[in-house]
Amino acid sequence: MQKPVVGSVSVDIPGNPSKHIDRPLAGWEVLGEVTDHVGTGALVRETGCGIYARANRYTITSLPQEEVRAAMEKAVTKTGREE
């Protein structure tokens, strides 16, 4: 599947987030893979307030929220699925 790109963020749904995290993250929902200017990781969303972030093994890094939402919208359009 082609990765929808918006600004410096691209998402791949469902992608392969298990390459980047090896266990469930309490309080976070795993959505797919994300790539930004820093690198690639699991695309996760905090279940309480809905903040999108990139998770890699032991770190969670916030992402540009508007860019992620726009890339997610394009990913949903391409896959025909709603996340």
Protein backbone atom coordinates (compact mmCIF):
# COMPACT_ATOMS: atom_id res chain seq x y z
CA MET A 1 0.00 0.00 0.00
CA GLN A 2 1.21 3.50 -0.77
CA LYS A 3 1.83 5.71 2.25
CA PRO A 4 -0.27 8.89 2.36
CA VAL A 5 2.10 11.82 2.88
CA VAL A 6 1.15 15.19 4.34
CA GLY A 7 3.91 17.68 5.15
CA SER A 8 6.68 15.70 6.75
CA VAL A 9 4.44 12.89 8.07
CA SER A 10 3.36 9.72 6.28
CA VAL A 11 1.23 6.90 7.66
CA ASP A 12 0.78 3.26 6.70
CA ILE A 13 -2.36 1.54 7.93
CA PRO A 14 -2.20 -1.15 9.11
CA GLY A 15 1.55 -1.18 8.49
CA ASN A 16 3.72 -3.32 10.75
CA PRO A 17 3.87 -1.56 14.12
CA SER A 18 5.19 -4.70 15.83
CA LYS A 19 8.58 -3.95 14.20
CA HIS A 20 8.81 -0.93 16.51
CA ILE A 21 7.14 -1.99 19.76
CA ASP A 22 7.30 -5.41 21.36
CA ARG A 23 4.54 -5.15 23.98
CA PRO A 24 1.22 -3.36 24.54
CA LEU A 25 1.50 0.23 25.75
CA ALA A 26 -0.87 0.98 28.62
CA GLY A 27 -3.13 3.89 27.71
CA TRP A 28 -2.19 3.88 24.01
CA GLU A 29 -4.01 2.48 20.96
CA VAL A 30 -1.80 1.17 18.14
CA LEU A 31 -3.02 2.34 14.70
CA GLY A 32 -0.25 1.52 12.22
CA GLU A 33 3.16 2.88 11.20
CA VAL A 34 4.26 6.49 10.89
CA THR A 35 7.30 8.14 9.34
CA ASP A 36 8.41 11.71 9.90
CA HIS A 37 11.67 13.63 9.44
CA VAL A 38 13.12 11.87 12.51
CA GLY A 39 12.30 8.25 11.64
CA THR A 40 9.72 5.48 11.51
CA GLY A 41 7.79 3.91 14.35
CA ALA A 42 4.42 2.64 15.48
CA LEU A 43 1.63 5.21 15.12
CA VAL A 44 -0.12 5.34 18.48
CA ARG A 45 -2.95 7.42 19.93
CA GLU A 46 -3.32 8.19 23.63
CA THR A 47 -6.73 6.87 24.64
CA GLY A 48 -7.61 9.67 27.05
CA CYS A 49 -7.04 12.82 25.00
CA GLY A 50 -6.33 11.43 21.51
CA ILE A 51 -2.78 12.73 21.04
CA TYR A 52 -0.93 11.00 18.17
CA ALA A 53 2.67 9.91 18.70
CA ARG A 54 5.44 7.71 17.29
CA ALA A 55 6.47 4.79 19.52
CA ASN A 56 9.81 3.03 19.28
CA ARG A 57 10.72 0.36 21.85
CA TYR A 58 11.22 2.58 24.93
CA THR A 59 10.23 6.03 23.69
CA ILE A 60 7.04 7.81 22.73
CA THR A 61 7.46 11.03 20.76
CA SER A 62 4.69 13.52 19.99
CA LEU A 63 3.97 14.24 16.33
CA PRO A 64 2.52 17.28 14.51
CA GLN A 65 -1.16 16.59 15.23
CA GLU A 66 -2.66 18.33 12.19
CA GLU A 67 -0.28 16.57 9.80
CA VAL A 68 -1.07 13.19 11.34
CA ARG A 69 -4.83 13.81 11.13
CA ALA A 70 -4.53 14.83 7.47
CA ALA A 71 -2.36 11.80 6.62
CA MET A 72 -4.80 9.53 8.51
CA GLU A 73 -7.71 10.96 6.52
CA LYS A 74 -5.91 10.19 3.27
CA ALA A 75 -5.05 6.68 4.53
CA VAL A 76 -8.71 6.02 5.36
CA THR A 77 -9.73 7.22 1.89
CA LYS A 78 -7.17 4.96 0.20
CA THR A 79 -8.02 1.86 2.26
CA GLY A 80 -11.76 2.48 2.41
CA ARG A 81 -11.60 1.82 6.15
CA GLU A 82 -12.35 4.11 9.04
CA GLU A 83 -9.98 4.15 11.99
